[in-house]
Structures are given as C-alpha cells and as structure tokens.
N, C-alpha and C. Protein backbone atom coordinates (compact mmCIF):
# COMPACT_ATOMS: atom_id res chain seq x y z
N UNK A 1 203.39 192.21 48.96
CA UNK A 1 202.22 191.92 47.89
C UNK A 1 201.18 192.76 47.76
N UNK A 2 200.64 192.77 46.53
CA UNK A 2 199.87 193.78 46.12
C UNK A 2 198.17 192.88 46.56
N UNK A 3 197.20 193.72 46.18
CA UNK A 3 195.72 192.86 46.60
C UNK A 3 195.25 192.03 45.67
N UNK A 4 195.81 192.06 44.76
CA UNK A 4 195.43 191.19 43.52
C UNK A 4 196.28 189.85 43.80
N UNK A 5 197.42 190.13 44.72
CA UNK A 5 198.34 188.49 44.71
C UNK A 5 197.70 187.92 45.87
N UNK A 6 196.74 188.99 46.91
CA UNK A 6 196.70 188.62 48.20
C UNK A 6 195.26 187.46 47.57
N UNK A 7 194.62 188.42 46.89
CA UNK A 7 193.04 188.06 46.79
C UNK A 7 193.61 186.17 45.28
N UNK A 8 194.55 186.51 44.66
CA UNK A 8 194.86 185.06 43.76
C UNK A 8 195.34 184.49 44.58
N UNK A 9 196.13 184.54 45.75
CA UNK A 9 196.81 183.60 46.64
C UNK A 9 195.48 182.84 47.69
N UNK A 10 194.76 183.59 48.14
CA UNK A 10 193.78 183.35 48.97
C UNK A 10 192.43 182.45 47.95
N UNK A 11 192.19 182.87 47.17
CA UNK A 11 191.44 181.78 46.22
C UNK A 11 192.15 180.59 46.06
N UNK A 12 193.25 180.33 45.52
CA UNK A 12 194.38 179.47 45.91
C UNK A 12 193.96 178.66 46.97
N UNK A 13 193.93 179.12 48.03
CA UNK A 13 193.92 178.57 49.22
C UNK A 13 192.68 177.94 49.09
N UNK A 14 191.75 178.68 49.15
CA UNK A 14 190.49 177.99 49.66
C UNK A 14 190.31 177.13 48.73
N UNK A 15 190.58 177.28 47.43
CA UNK A 15 190.08 176.10 46.54
C UNK A 15 190.74 174.82 46.76
N UNK A 16 192.12 174.84 47.08
CA UNK A 16 192.67 173.99 47.92
C UNK A 16 192.58 173.07 48.99
N UNK A 17 191.71 174.08 49.93
CA UNK A 17 190.73 173.57 51.41
C UNK A 17 189.99 172.71 50.95
N UNK A 18 188.81 173.48 49.76
CA UNK A 18 187.67 172.80 49.10
C UNK A 18 188.21 171.34 48.49
N UNK A 19 189.15 171.37 48.12
CA UNK A 19 189.59 170.02 47.65
C UNK A 19 190.01 168.97 48.77
N UNK A 20 191.03 169.18 49.20
CA UNK A 20 190.95 168.69 50.59
C UNK A 20 190.29 167.76 50.91
N UNK A 21 189.02 169.08 51.35
CA UNK A 21 187.65 168.85 52.49
C UNK A 21 186.64 168.22 51.93
N UNK A 22 186.42 168.25 50.42
CA UNK A 22 185.57 167.79 49.36
C UNK A 22 186.59 166.12 49.61
N UNK A 23 187.81 165.96 49.24
CA UNK A 23 188.21 164.71 49.17
C UNK A 23 187.98 163.86 50.46
N UNK A 24 188.24 164.36 51.85
CA UNK A 24 187.83 164.03 53.21
C UNK A 24 186.66 163.42 53.69
N UNK A 25 185.72 164.47 52.96
CA UNK A 25 184.37 164.00 52.96
C UNK A 25 184.12 162.95 52.29
N UNK A 26 184.85 162.90 51.10
CA UNK A 26 184.51 161.67 50.42
C UNK A 26 184.97 160.50 51.15
N UNK A 27 185.91 160.43 51.51
CA UNK A 27 186.68 158.95 52.23
C UNK A 27 185.77 158.90 53.10
N UNK A 28 185.37 159.81 53.83
CA UNK A 28 185.01 159.64 55.33
C UNK A 28 183.34 158.53 54.60
N UNK A 29 182.98 158.83 53.75
CA UNK A 29 181.14 158.49 53.35
C UNK A 29 181.53 157.93 53.11
N UNK A 30 182.95 156.80 52.16
CA UNK A 30 182.99 155.88 51.69
C UNK A 30 183.15 154.69 52.67
N UNK A 31 184.14 155.14 53.86
CA UNK A 31 184.13 154.34 54.77
C UNK A 31 182.81 154.17 55.59
N UNK A 32 182.14 155.04 55.77
CA UNK A 32 180.65 154.64 56.39
C UNK A 32 179.73 154.01 55.63
N UNK A 33 179.71 153.91 53.68
CA UNK A 33 179.23 152.77 53.39
C UNK A 33 179.92 151.73 53.06
N UNK A 34 181.32 151.26 53.55
CA UNK A 34 181.56 149.92 53.89
C UNK A 34 181.71 149.14 55.26
N UNK A 35 181.18 149.84 55.89
CA UNK A 35 180.22 149.79 57.43
C UNK A 35 179.33 149.16 57.50
N UNK A 36 177.98 150.09 56.31
CA UNK A 36 177.49 150.01 56.02
C UNK A 36 176.53 148.32 55.28
N UNK A 37 177.64 148.35 54.05
CA UNK A 37 177.99 146.73 53.55
C UNK A 37 178.24 146.06 53.96
N UNK A 38 179.09 145.68 54.81
CA UNK A 38 179.47 144.87 55.67
C UNK A 38 178.60 144.52 57.07
N UNK A 39 177.67 145.37 57.38
CA UNK A 39 176.77 144.92 58.10
C UNK A 39 175.70 144.17 57.71
N UNK A 40 175.09 144.78 56.29
CA UNK A 40 174.42 144.14 54.60
C UNK A 40 174.75 142.66 54.86
N UNK A 41 176.18 142.26 54.88
CA UNK A 41 176.37 140.87 54.59
C UNK A 41 176.52 140.24 55.79
N UNK A 42 176.69 140.52 56.40
CA UNK A 42 177.16 139.81 57.72
C UNK A 42 175.07 139.41 57.85
N UNK A 43 174.21 140.37 57.87
CA UNK A 43 172.64 140.10 58.38
C UNK A 43 172.36 139.39 56.75
N UNK A 44 172.92 139.29 55.55
CA UNK A 44 172.28 138.58 54.37
C UNK A 44 173.02 136.95 55.07
N UNK A 45 174.19 137.05 55.16
CA UNK A 45 174.79 135.64 55.67
C UNK A 45 173.93 134.85 56.91
N UNK A 46 173.45 135.82 57.97
CA UNK A 46 172.28 135.39 58.88
C UNK A 46 170.90 134.62 58.27
N UNK A 47 170.46 135.48 57.59
CA UNK A 47 169.21 135.19 57.25
C UNK A 47 169.77 133.63 55.99
N UNK A 48 170.61 133.95 54.98
CA UNK A 48 170.78 132.76 54.09
C UNK A 48 171.03 131.54 55.16
N UNK A 49 171.72 131.37 56.12
CA UNK A 49 171.92 130.47 56.93
C UNK A 49 170.44 129.89 57.52
N UNK A 50 169.79 131.15 57.92
CA UNK A 50 168.53 130.62 58.12
C UNK A 50 167.33 130.12 56.85
N UNK A 51 168.05 130.12 55.83
CA UNK A 51 166.96 129.75 54.83
C UNK A 51 167.38 128.10 54.64
N UNK A 52 169.01 128.20 54.60
CA UNK A 52 169.18 127.02 54.87
C UNK A 52 168.74 125.94 55.70
N UNK A 53 168.59 126.10 56.89
CA UNK A 53 167.96 125.57 58.13
C UNK A 53 166.41 125.33 57.93
N UNK A 54 165.74 126.10 57.09
CA UNK A 54 164.27 126.14 56.92
C UNK A 54 164.20 124.87 55.62
N UNK A 55 165.11 125.09 54.72
CA UNK A 55 165.28 124.19 53.80
C UNK A 55 165.43 122.54 53.86
N UNK A 56 166.13 122.62 54.87
CA UNK A 56 166.68 121.50 55.38
C UNK A 56 165.66 120.55 56.24
N UNK A 57 165.06 121.80 56.77
CA UNK A 57 163.35 120.83 57.43
C UNK A 57 162.62 120.27 56.50
N UNK A 58 162.44 121.18 55.04
CA UNK A 58 161.26 121.22 54.08
C UNK A 58 161.71 119.79 53.64
N UNK A 59 163.24 120.14 52.58
CA UNK A 59 163.36 118.63 52.38
C UNK A 59 163.08 116.88 53.36
N UNK A 60 163.24 117.53 54.71
CA UNK A 60 163.32 116.57 55.31
C UNK A 60 161.52 116.19 55.13
N UNK A 61 160.73 116.86 55.17
CA UNK A 61 159.67 116.87 55.39
C UNK A 61 158.83 115.81 53.91
N UNK A 62 159.51 116.22 52.82
CA UNK A 62 159.11 116.21 51.63
C UNK A 62 159.77 114.52 51.37
N UNK A 63 161.17 114.10 51.82
CA UNK A 63 161.42 112.89 52.21
C UNK A 63 160.06 111.90 52.55
N UNK A 64 160.26 112.25 53.83
CA UNK A 64 159.26 111.90 55.03
C UNK A 64 157.70 111.31 53.89
N UNK A 65 157.34 112.51 53.04
CA UNK A 65 155.85 112.37 52.16
C UNK A 65 156.56 111.75 51.00
N UNK A 66 157.37 111.20 50.22
CA UNK A 66 157.70 110.54 49.65
C UNK A 66 157.51 109.18 50.04
N UNK A 67 158.39 108.79 51.33
CA UNK A 67 157.92 107.47 52.14
C UNK A 67 157.02 107.17 52.29
N UNK A 68 156.09 107.91 52.84
CA UNK A 68 154.35 107.76 52.96
C UNK A 68 153.91 107.07 51.71
N UNK A 69 154.35 108.18 50.25
CA UNK A 69 153.61 107.95 49.50
C UNK A 69 153.76 106.38 48.64
N UNK A 70 155.47 105.91 49.11
CA UNK A 70 155.55 104.88 48.81
C UNK A 70 154.67 103.62 49.33
N UNK A 71 154.65 103.96 50.71
CA UNK A 71 154.08 103.00 51.80
C UNK A 71 152.52 102.59 51.41
N UNK A 72 152.06 104.13 50.67
CA UNK A 72 150.32 104.09 50.52
C UNK A 72 150.63 103.52 49.01
N UNK A 73 150.97 103.49 48.55
CA UNK A 73 151.36 102.46 46.81
C UNK A 73 151.70 101.23 47.30
N UNK A 74 151.96 100.61 47.84
CA UNK A 74 152.07 99.30 48.37
C UNK A 74 151.04 98.98 49.35
N UNK A 75 150.40 99.71 49.97
CA UNK A 75 148.96 99.10 50.15
C UNK A 75 147.85 99.15 49.48
N UNK A 76 147.61 100.32 48.87
CA UNK A 76 147.23 99.84 47.39
C UNK A 76 146.99 98.94 46.28
N UNK A 77 148.21 98.66 46.37
CA UNK A 77 148.72 97.42 45.58
C UNK A 77 148.10 95.86 46.35
N UNK A 78 148.71 95.86 47.70
CA UNK A 78 147.36 94.77 48.14
C UNK A 78 146.28 94.61 48.00
N UNK A 79 145.86 95.74 48.13
CA UNK A 79 144.32 96.23 48.57
C UNK A 79 143.74 95.52 46.96
N UNK A 80 144.54 95.78 46.10
CA UNK A 80 144.37 95.58 44.44
C UNK A 80 144.02 93.90 44.38
N UNK A 81 145.54 93.60 44.92
CA UNK A 81 145.54 92.00 44.71
C UNK A 81 144.46 91.36 45.51
N UNK A 82 144.31 91.80 46.73
CA UNK A 82 143.40 90.77 47.47
C UNK A 82 141.74 91.52 46.75
N UNK A 83 141.25 92.24 46.31
CA UNK A 83 140.83 92.48 45.77
C UNK A 83 140.36 91.40 44.28
N UNK A 84 141.39 91.32 43.50
CA UNK A 84 141.38 90.37 42.72
C UNK A 84 140.94 88.83 43.37
N UNK A 85 141.97 88.21 43.70
CA UNK A 85 141.74 87.27 44.32
C UNK A 85 140.47 87.31 45.09
N UNK A 86 139.70 88.00 45.70
CA UNK A 86 138.22 87.53 46.34
C UNK A 86 137.08 87.43 45.07
N UNK A 87 137.86 88.51 43.98
CA UNK A 87 136.73 87.95 42.72
C UNK A 87 136.78 86.95 42.10
N UNK A 88 138.39 86.22 41.41
CA UNK A 88 138.39 85.39 41.44
C UNK A 88 137.91 84.11 42.12
N UNK A 89 137.75 83.86 43.40
CA UNK A 89 137.16 83.07 44.25
C UNK A 89 136.02 83.25 44.52
N UNK A 90 134.90 84.58 44.00
CA UNK A 90 133.77 84.57 44.08
C UNK A 90 133.18 84.09 42.92
N UNK A 91 133.73 84.19 41.35
CA UNK A 91 133.88 83.52 40.61
C UNK A 91 133.62 82.04 40.54
N UNK A 92 134.99 81.54 41.11
CA UNK A 92 134.89 80.28 41.16
C UNK A 92 133.64 79.74 42.28
N UNK A 93 133.60 80.25 43.47
CA UNK A 93 132.09 79.78 44.04
C UNK A 93 131.17 80.00 43.48
N UNK A 94 130.51 81.13 42.39
CA UNK A 94 129.38 80.90 42.06
C UNK A 94 129.30 79.90 40.77
N UNK A 95 130.40 79.56 40.25
CA UNK A 95 130.40 78.68 38.93
C UNK A 95 130.17 77.12 39.98
N UNK A 96 130.96 77.06 41.49
CA UNK A 96 130.35 75.74 42.14
C UNK A 96 128.71 75.77 42.41
N UNK A 97 128.38 76.89 42.76
CA UNK A 97 127.03 77.33 43.04
C UNK A 97 125.93 76.57 42.11
N UNK A 98 126.52 77.18 40.93
CA UNK A 98 125.40 77.15 39.74
C UNK A 98 125.54 75.63 38.98
N UNK A 99 126.81 74.89 39.40
CA UNK A 99 126.91 73.77 38.63
C UNK A 99 126.32 72.68 39.96
N UNK A 100 126.55 73.01 41.26
CA UNK A 100 125.45 71.61 42.09
C UNK A 100 124.03 71.89 41.77
N UNK A 101 123.92 73.26 41.59
CA UNK A 101 122.09 73.56 41.29
C UNK A 101 121.55 72.64 39.95
N UNK A 102 122.39 72.65 39.11
CA UNK A 102 122.03 72.13 37.71
C UNK A 102 122.09 70.67 38.17
N UNK A 103 122.94 70.21 39.21
CA UNK A 103 123.12 68.73 39.34
C UNK A 103 122.54 68.25 40.04
N UNK A 104 121.23 69.24 41.18
CA UNK A 104 121.10 68.67 42.19
C UNK A 104 119.34 68.85 40.95
N UNK A 105 119.14 69.60 39.95
CA UNK A 105 117.91 69.62 39.28
C UNK A 105 117.74 68.26 38.69
N UNK A 106 119.01 67.92 38.26
CA UNK A 106 118.99 66.96 36.84
C UNK A 106 118.65 65.46 37.89
N UNK A 107 119.11 65.64 38.94
CA UNK A 107 119.50 64.38 39.79
C UNK A 107 117.71 63.86 39.98
N UNK A 108 116.79 65.15 40.42
CA UNK A 108 115.31 65.17 40.94
C UNK A 108 114.61 64.63 39.81
C-alpha cells in the first residue's frame, strides 16, 4: 500500500467515523429531547387538571351568585309590590280623610 492509498483510506475511515458519530449524537440528543417533551407533557397535564379544578370552583361561585341575584330580584319585586300597596292605601286613606273633613265642615 502506498502512502496515498493509506491517506485515502484514513480519510474515508475518518469520514465514516464522523458520519456515524454525528448520527449517534443526533440520536442521543433526540432521545433527550423526547424525554424533555414527555416531562413537559406531564407538567402541562398537571397544570391543566389544576386549572380545571379551579374553573369548577369558579363555576360553583358563579352559579351561587346567579342564584343570589335571583333571590335579590325577588326581594326587590316584593318590596316594589309592597310599596305600591302602601301608596294605594295612602291615597285611599287621604281620600277618606279629605272626604271626612269636607263632611264635618258641611255638617257644622
């Protein structure tokens, strides 16, 4: 074997080792990235489940508030109706008082 052949063989060997080594590094890094992505997925699923729990609590609060608003509306309606009754009784009472004043003035 001549020096040129040995040099050519050496270069081909180094090229082959570099390609195989580079491929191995890529496979190794992809494996690590896959592990990181799996860890990220687990963390995200945990956070999503916590968010769902929080949202269900918020939903419960909103439902309670809606029920409370309905109760407040009913109380306001009752107060309005009672006010209307009081106003009508006041008008009737004033009418009776005014008529009785007129009658007593006529009698005298």
